[in-house]
Protein backbone atom coordinates (compact mmCIF):
# COMPACT_ATOMS: atom_id res chain seq x y z
CA UNK A 1 22.53 16.51 40.68
CA UNK A 2 19.82 17.20 38.15
CA UNK A 3 16.36 18.46 38.95
CA UNK A 4 15.08 15.03 37.96
CA UNK A 5 17.27 13.42 40.64
CA UNK A 6 15.98 15.86 43.25
CA UNK A 7 12.40 15.01 42.36
CA UNK A 8 13.14 11.31 42.72
CA UNK A 9 14.50 12.00 46.20
CA UNK A 10 11.40 14.04 46.98
CA UNK A 11 9.13 11.22 45.77
CA UNK A 12 10.82 8.77 48.13
CA UNK A 13 10.17 11.10 51.07
CA UNK A 14 6.41 10.61 50.65
CA UNK A 15 6.36 7.04 51.97
CA UNK A 16 3.12 6.25 53.78
CA UNK A 17 3.37 5.62 57.53
CA UNK A 18 3.42 1.93 58.46
CA UNK A 19 3.38 2.09 62.27
CA UNK A 20 2.62 4.58 65.03
CA UNK A 21 6.20 5.91 65.22
CA UNK A 22 6.04 6.72 61.49
CA UNK A 23 3.16 9.20 61.87
CA UNK A 24 3.70 12.64 63.41
CA UNK A 25 0.08 13.67 62.88
CA UNK A 26 -1.14 11.94 66.05
CA UNK A 27 -0.09 12.42 69.66
CA UNK A 28 0.70 8.70 69.95
CA UNK A 29 2.77 8.81 66.76
CA UNK A 30 4.71 11.90 67.85
CA UNK A 31 5.43 10.35 71.25
CA UNK A 32 6.58 7.04 69.72
CA UNK A 33 8.76 8.86 67.16
CA UNK A 34 10.21 11.11 69.88
CA UNK A 35 11.12 8.13 72.07
CA UNK A 36 12.67 6.36 69.08
CA UNK A 37 14.59 9.49 68.05
CA UNK A 38 15.92 10.14 71.56
CA UNK A 39 16.78 6.58 72.63
CA UNK A 40 17.27 4.40 69.55
CA UNK A 41 18.79 7.11 67.35
CA UNK A 42 20.80 8.52 70.30
CA UNK A 43 19.54 12.09 69.86
CA UNK A 44 19.91 12.71 73.61
CA UNK A 45 23.69 12.44 73.16
CA UNK A 46 23.70 14.92 70.28
CA UNK A 47 22.04 17.51 72.52
CA UNK A 48 25.43 17.84 74.22
CA UNK A 49 27.69 17.32 71.21
CA UNK A 50 27.07 18.97 67.85
CA UNK A 51 30.21 18.24 65.81
CA UNK A 52 29.51 21.44 63.82
CA UNK A 53 32.35 22.87 61.75
CA UNK A 54 32.67 25.06 58.67
CA UNK A 55 34.87 23.09 56.25
CA UNK A 56 34.88 25.65 53.41
CA UNK A 57 33.27 29.07 52.94
CA UNK A 58 29.51 28.47 53.13
CA UNK A 59 29.88 24.70 53.65
CA UNK A 60 29.21 23.19 57.07
CA UNK A 61 29.16 19.64 58.39
CA UNK A 62 27.69 18.21 61.58
CA UNK A 63 25.96 15.28 63.15
CA UNK A 64 22.16 14.77 62.93
CA UNK A 65 20.56 18.08 63.93
CA UNK A 66 17.59 18.34 66.23
CA UNK A 67 14.68 20.62 65.29
CA UNK A 68 16.07 23.21 67.73
CA UNK A 69 19.46 23.15 66.03
CA UNK A 70 17.79 23.46 62.62
CA UNK A 71 16.18 26.70 63.80
CA UNK A 72 19.62 27.88 64.96
CA UNK A 73 21.11 26.97 61.57
CA UNK A 74 18.41 29.04 59.86
CA UNK A 75 19.44 31.97 62.05
CA UNK A 76 23.07 31.38 60.94
CA UNK A 77 21.91 31.73 57.32
CA UNK A 78 21.98 28.04 56.33
CA UNK A 79 19.62 27.69 53.36
CA UNK A 80 20.03 23.98 52.54
CA UNK A 81 20.60 20.82 54.56
CA UNK A 82 21.91 17.67 52.91
CA UNK A 83 21.18 14.57 54.96
CA UNK A 84 23.55 11.78 53.99
CA UNK A 85 21.64 9.26 56.13
CA UNK A 86 18.72 8.40 53.92
CA UNK A 87 16.14 6.98 56.29
CA UNK A 88 13.01 8.38 54.72
CA UNK A 89 10.12 7.45 57.01
CA UNK A 90 12.35 7.09 60.09
CA UNK A 91 11.96 9.31 63.14
CA UNK A 92 15.14 11.33 62.52
CA UNK A 93 14.06 12.13 58.97
CA UNK A 94 10.48 13.00 59.90
CA UNK A 95 11.57 15.49 62.58
CA UNK A 96 14.18 16.98 60.26
CA UNK A 97 11.73 17.24 57.36
CA UNK A 98 9.16 19.01 59.55
CA UNK A 99 11.73 21.42 61.04
CA UNK A 100 13.11 22.28 57.61
CA UNK A 101 9.62 22.93 56.27
CA UNK A 102 8.85 25.18 59.25
CA UNK A 103 12.08 27.17 58.87
CA UNK A 104 12.14 27.41 55.07
CA UNK A 105 15.33 25.38 54.76
CA UNK A 106 15.60 23.09 51.73
CA UNK A 107 16.18 19.47 52.77
CA UNK A 108 17.91 17.10 50.35
CA UNK A 109 18.18 13.47 51.39
CA UNK A 110 20.95 11.31 49.96
CA UNK A 111 21.44 7.73 51.12
CA UNK A 112 25.14 7.01 51.62
CA UNK A 113 26.32 3.95 53.50
CA UNK A 114 28.55 4.31 56.54
CA UNK A 115 29.85 0.76 56.05
CA UNK A 116 29.93 0.00 52.33
CA UNK A 117 31.72 1.52 49.39
CA UNK A 118 29.17 2.75 46.88
CA UNK A 119 29.30 2.73 43.12
CA UNK A 120 31.38 5.62 41.80
CA UNK A 121 28.37 7.14 40.07
CA UNK A 122 26.84 7.87 43.51
CA UNK A 123 29.94 9.85 44.47
CA UNK A 124 29.89 11.69 41.15
CA UNK A 125 26.24 12.58 41.83
CA UNK A 126 27.36 13.98 45.18
CA UNK A 127 29.91 16.20 43.38
CA UNK A 128 27.14 17.43 41.07
CA UNK A 129 24.96 18.16 44.08
CA UNK A 130 27.71 20.18 45.77
CA UNK A 131 28.07 22.26 42.60
CA UNK A 132 24.35 22.97 42.29
CA UNK A 133 23.10 23.31 45.87
CA UNK A 134 22.33 26.73 47.30
CA UNK A 135 24.92 27.92 49.82
CA UNK A 136 25.44 28.22 52.64
CA UNK A 137 24.60 24.57 53.24
CA UNK A 138 25.07 21.98 55.92
CA UNK A 139 25.64 18.29 55.34
CA UNK A 140 25.32 15.69 58.05
CA UNK A 141 25.11 12.03 58.89
CA UNK A 142 24.23 10.44 62.23
CA UNK A 143 27.42 11.30 64.13
CA UNK A 144 29.05 13.65 61.66
CA UNK A 145 32.04 11.35 61.27
CA UNK A 146 31.87 8.63 58.61
CA UNK A 147 29.58 9.85 55.82
CA UNK A 148 29.93 13.56 56.60
CA UNK A 149 33.69 13.10 56.92
CA UNK A 150 33.91 11.38 53.53
CA UNK A 151 31.68 13.98 51.88
CA UNK A 152 33.77 16.76 53.49
CA UNK A 153 36.94 15.27 52.05
CA UNK A 154 35.33 15.10 48.61
């Protein structure tokens, strides 16, 4: 993936909040985002099940990490996280973006579909990203199965 592509991903991550759960700067926003993350995004289940595995030297895959797990990944030496979920502006992305910023981990967000085959150029971009990203890195989707499984096979 070129630097230009990374900057386009970064630009998309600066979407303005549209409702209370999209704004972590207020107590009400943090509470609404936390409830959404735990219940609607099923984060409470991922507290018990991490689906973490090293698939190649310096390449890890898992399900959606919590901020606590991101701190643990930093301590393991993970320098980059690739989120295959997209979801810029959603609770899972906001918490991940904040935790990565606090820990010094680079976050790259790539929107892959768990249900639709994408154009081949998107998969080729993923290959380019794997070649250029700083290792060790972790890639994840929501459950660590569909998108992370496909990306692991690639």
